[in-house]
C-alpha cells in the first residue's frame, strides 16, 4: 500500500466515521446504538493505524529508507501512544 492508497483509505474511514456520528449510516442499516458504538470504535482504531503507517512511511522516506518496509502496528500499540 503506497501513500496515495493510504490517503484514500483514510478519506473513506473519515467519511464512515462522520456518517456513524451523525446517524445516517446506522439509521439505514437499522443498527442499535451498541452496534454503532462498536463500529465507530473499530473505525477510529483503523484510522489511528492508517495515520501511524503513513507517518512511518514518510519518516522512512525522509531518512532515505524504503517506505515499503513500514508495517501496520497492532491496535493496542497505536492506541497506547501518549497524546
N, C-alpha and C. Protein backbone atom coordinates (compact mmCIF):
# COMPACT_ATOMS: atom_id res chain seq x y z
N UNK A 1 0.85 -1.17 0.00
CA UNK A 1 0.00 0.00 0.00
C UNK A 1 0.90 1.24 0.00
N UNK A 2 0.73 2.09 -0.99
CA UNK A 2 1.54 3.31 -1.04
C UNK A 2 0.82 4.46 -0.34
N UNK A 3 1.46 5.63 -0.31
CA UNK A 3 0.90 6.78 0.40
C UNK A 3 -0.47 7.17 -0.15
N UNK A 4 -0.61 7.15 -1.46
CA UNK A 4 -1.89 7.53 -2.07
C UNK A 4 -3.00 6.57 -1.67
N UNK A 5 -2.70 5.27 -1.66
CA UNK A 5 -3.68 4.28 -1.22
C UNK A 5 -4.07 4.53 0.24
N UNK A 6 -3.08 4.82 1.06
CA UNK A 6 -3.35 5.10 2.47
C UNK A 6 -4.24 6.33 2.64
N UNK A 7 -3.94 7.37 1.89
CA UNK A 7 -4.75 8.59 1.98
C UNK A 7 -6.18 8.34 1.53
N UNK A 8 -6.37 7.51 0.51
CA UNK A 8 -7.72 7.17 0.08
C UNK A 8 -8.45 6.35 1.14
N UNK A 9 -7.74 5.45 1.78
CA UNK A 9 -8.32 4.64 2.86
C UNK A 9 -8.71 5.53 4.03
N UNK A 10 -7.83 6.48 4.38
CA UNK A 10 -8.12 7.42 5.46
C UNK A 10 -9.36 8.24 5.12
N UNK A 11 -9.45 8.71 3.91
CA UNK A 11 -10.60 9.50 3.48
C UNK A 11 -11.90 8.69 3.61
N UNK A 12 -11.87 7.44 3.21
CA UNK A 12 -13.06 6.58 3.31
C UNK A 12 -13.44 6.34 4.77
N UNK A 13 -12.44 6.12 5.61
CA UNK A 13 -12.71 5.90 7.03
C UNK A 13 -13.26 7.15 7.71
N UNK A 14 -12.74 8.31 7.34
CA UNK A 14 -13.24 9.57 7.89
C UNK A 14 -14.70 9.77 7.50
N UNK A 15 -15.03 9.48 6.26
CA UNK A 15 -16.41 9.60 5.81
C UNK A 15 -17.31 8.65 6.60
N UNK A 16 -16.86 7.41 6.78
CA UNK A 16 -17.64 6.45 7.55
C UNK A 16 -17.81 6.91 9.00
N UNK A 17 -16.74 7.46 9.58
CA UNK A 17 -16.81 7.96 10.94
C UNK A 17 -17.86 9.08 11.04
N UNK A 18 -17.83 10.01 10.12
CA UNK A 18 -18.81 11.10 10.13
C UNK A 18 -20.23 10.58 9.96
N UNK A 19 -20.40 9.61 9.07
CA UNK A 19 -21.73 9.02 8.86
C UNK A 19 -22.23 8.34 10.14
N UNK A 20 -21.34 7.63 10.81
CA UNK A 20 -21.73 6.97 12.06
C UNK A 20 -22.07 7.98 13.14
N UNK A 21 -21.29 9.04 13.21
CA UNK A 21 -21.52 10.04 14.25
C UNK A 21 -22.83 10.81 14.02
N UNK A 22 -23.17 11.07 12.76
CA UNK A 22 -24.41 11.82 12.52
C UNK A 22 -25.62 10.91 12.40
N UNK A 23 -25.40 9.60 12.45
CA UNK A 23 -26.50 8.65 12.49
C UNK A 23 -27.06 8.24 11.15
N UNK A 24 -26.56 8.79 10.05
CA UNK A 24 -27.14 8.46 8.75
C UNK A 24 -26.88 7.01 8.35
N UNK A 25 -25.72 6.50 8.64
CA UNK A 25 -25.41 5.12 8.26
C UNK A 25 -26.14 4.13 9.15
N UNK A 26 -26.22 4.41 10.43
CA UNK A 26 -26.87 3.48 11.35
C UNK A 26 -28.37 3.42 11.12
N UNK A 27 -28.98 4.55 10.77
CA UNK A 27 -30.43 4.56 10.52
C UNK A 27 -30.76 3.71 9.30
N UNK A 28 -29.93 3.78 8.28
CA UNK A 28 -30.17 2.99 7.07
C UNK A 28 -30.03 1.50 7.34
N UNK A 29 -29.09 1.13 8.17
CA UNK A 29 -28.81 -0.29 8.42
C UNK A 29 -29.67 -0.86 9.54
N UNK A 30 -30.39 0.00 10.27
CA UNK A 30 -31.21 -0.48 11.36
C UNK A 30 -30.40 -0.97 12.55
N UNK A 31 -29.19 -0.46 12.73
CA UNK A 31 -28.32 -0.90 13.81
C UNK A 31 -28.74 -0.27 15.14
N UNK A 32 -28.54 -1.01 16.23
CA UNK A 32 -28.80 -0.41 17.53
C UNK A 32 -27.57 0.38 17.97
N UNK A 33 -27.71 1.14 19.04
CA UNK A 33 -26.64 2.04 19.49
C UNK A 33 -25.36 1.30 19.87
N UNK A 34 -25.48 0.12 20.45
CA UNK A 34 -24.29 -0.66 20.83
C UNK A 34 -23.50 -1.06 19.59
N UNK A 35 -24.20 -1.45 18.53
CA UNK A 35 -23.53 -1.82 17.28
C UNK A 35 -22.85 -0.61 16.65
N UNK A 36 -23.52 0.54 16.70
CA UNK A 36 -22.95 1.76 16.14
C UNK A 36 -21.69 2.16 16.91
N UNK A 37 -21.76 2.11 18.25
CA UNK A 37 -20.57 2.45 19.05
C UNK A 37 -19.42 1.50 18.78
N UNK A 38 -19.72 0.21 18.65
CA UNK A 38 -18.67 -0.78 18.37
C UNK A 38 -18.05 -0.53 17.00
N UNK A 39 -18.88 -0.25 16.01
CA UNK A 39 -18.36 0.03 14.66
C UNK A 39 -17.54 1.31 14.65
N UNK A 40 -18.02 2.32 15.37
CA UNK A 40 -17.29 3.58 15.44
C UNK A 40 -15.91 3.37 16.07
N UNK A 41 -15.86 2.56 17.11
CA UNK A 41 -14.57 2.27 17.76
C UNK A 41 -13.61 1.59 16.78
N UNK A 42 -14.12 0.63 16.01
CA UNK A 42 -13.27 -0.06 15.01
C UNK A 42 -12.77 0.91 13.95
N UNK A 43 -13.63 1.81 13.51
CA UNK A 43 -13.24 2.81 12.51
C UNK A 43 -12.15 3.72 13.08
N UNK A 44 -12.34 4.17 14.32
CA UNK A 44 -11.33 5.03 14.96
C UNK A 44 -9.99 4.32 15.08
N UNK A 45 -10.02 3.04 15.46
CA UNK A 45 -8.78 2.27 15.58
C UNK A 45 -8.11 2.11 14.21
N UNK A 46 -8.89 1.83 13.19
CA UNK A 46 -8.34 1.70 11.84
C UNK A 46 -7.74 3.01 11.36
N UNK A 47 -8.40 4.11 11.67
CA UNK A 47 -7.86 5.42 11.31
C UNK A 47 -6.52 5.66 11.99
N UNK A 48 -6.44 5.37 13.27
CA UNK A 48 -5.18 5.55 14.00
C UNK A 48 -4.07 4.70 13.39
N UNK A 49 -4.39 3.47 13.02
CA UNK A 49 -3.39 2.60 12.39
C UNK A 49 -2.95 3.16 11.04
N UNK A 50 -3.88 3.66 10.26
CA UNK A 50 -3.54 4.22 8.95
C UNK A 50 -2.65 5.45 9.09
N UNK A 51 -3.03 6.35 10.01
CA UNK A 51 -2.21 7.55 10.21
C UNK A 51 -0.81 7.16 10.69
N UNK A 52 -0.72 6.20 11.58
CA UNK A 52 0.57 5.74 12.07
C UNK A 52 1.42 5.17 10.94
N UNK A 53 0.81 4.36 10.10
CA UNK A 53 1.54 3.77 8.97
C UNK A 53 2.01 4.85 8.01
N UNK A 54 1.16 5.83 7.74
CA UNK A 54 1.55 6.93 6.85
C UNK A 54 2.73 7.71 7.43
N UNK A 55 2.68 7.98 8.74
CA UNK A 55 3.81 8.67 9.38
C UNK A 55 5.09 7.83 9.30
N UNK A 56 4.97 6.53 9.53
CA UNK A 56 6.15 5.65 9.42
C UNK A 56 6.74 5.71 8.01
N UNK A 57 5.86 5.59 7.01
CA UNK A 57 6.32 5.60 5.61
C UNK A 57 7.03 6.90 5.28
N UNK A 58 6.45 8.02 5.70
CA UNK A 58 7.05 9.32 5.39
C UNK A 58 8.37 9.50 6.13
N UNK A 59 8.47 9.01 7.36
CA UNK A 59 9.73 9.11 8.11
C UNK A 59 10.82 8.27 7.44
N UNK A 60 10.46 7.07 7.01
CA UNK A 60 11.44 6.22 6.33
C UNK A 60 11.92 6.87 5.03
N UNK A 61 10.98 7.40 4.28
CA UNK A 61 11.34 8.04 3.01
C UNK A 61 12.24 9.26 3.26
N UNK A 62 11.92 10.05 4.28
CA UNK A 62 12.72 11.24 4.59
C UNK A 62 14.13 10.89 5.04
N UNK A 63 14.29 9.71 5.63
CA UNK A 63 15.63 9.31 6.09
C UNK A 63 16.36 8.43 5.08
N UNK A 64 15.80 8.31 3.88
CA UNK A 64 16.46 7.56 2.83
C UNK A 64 16.21 6.07 2.86
N UNK A 65 15.30 5.63 3.72
CA UNK A 65 14.97 4.21 3.80
C UNK A 65 13.80 3.89 2.87
N UNK A 66 13.55 2.62 2.71
CA UNK A 66 12.46 2.15 1.85
C UNK A 66 11.13 2.27 2.62
N UNK A 67 10.21 3.12 2.17
CA UNK A 67 8.94 3.27 2.88
C UNK A 67 8.10 1.99 2.87
N UNK A 68 8.35 1.10 1.92
CA UNK A 68 7.60 -0.15 1.87
C UNK A 68 7.97 -1.11 3.00
N UNK A 69 9.02 -0.78 3.75
CA UNK A 69 9.39 -1.59 4.90
C UNK A 69 8.57 -1.26 6.14
N UNK A 70 7.80 -0.17 6.08
CA UNK A 70 6.92 0.20 7.20
C UNK A 70 5.80 -0.83 7.28
N UNK A 71 5.33 -1.08 8.49
CA UNK A 71 4.26 -2.06 8.65
C UNK A 71 3.21 -1.55 9.63
N UNK A 72 2.02 -2.07 9.47
CA UNK A 72 0.92 -1.70 10.35
C UNK A 72 1.18 -2.26 11.74
N UNK A 73 1.10 -1.38 12.72
CA UNK A 73 1.31 -1.80 14.10
C UNK A 73 -0.01 -2.25 14.71
N UNK A 74 0.06 -3.11 15.73
CA UNK A 74 -1.17 -3.58 16.38
C UNK A 74 -1.94 -2.42 17.02
N UNK A 75 -3.25 -2.58 17.09
CA UNK A 75 -4.11 -1.55 17.66
C UNK A 75 -3.68 -1.18 19.07
N UNK A 76 -3.37 -2.17 19.91
CA UNK A 76 -3.00 -1.86 21.30
C UNK A 76 -1.73 -1.03 21.38
N UNK A 77 -0.85 -1.15 20.42
CA UNK A 77 0.36 -0.34 20.41
C UNK A 77 0.05 1.08 19.94
N UNK A 78 -0.70 1.20 18.87
CA UNK A 78 -1.04 2.51 18.31
C UNK A 78 -1.94 3.30 19.28
N UNK A 79 -2.89 2.61 19.90
CA UNK A 79 -3.80 3.27 20.82
C UNK A 79 -3.13 3.64 22.14
N UNK A 80 -1.98 3.05 22.42
CA UNK A 80 -1.28 3.33 23.68
C UNK A 80 -0.34 4.51 23.63
N UNK A 81 -0.23 5.18 22.48
CA UNK A 81 0.66 6.33 22.37
C UNK A 81 0.14 7.48 23.21
N UNK A 82 1.03 8.18 23.93
CA UNK A 82 0.58 9.36 24.68
C UNK A 82 0.13 10.46 23.71
N UNK A 83 -0.88 11.17 24.10
CA UNK A 83 -1.41 12.24 23.24
C UNK A 83 -0.73 13.55 23.54
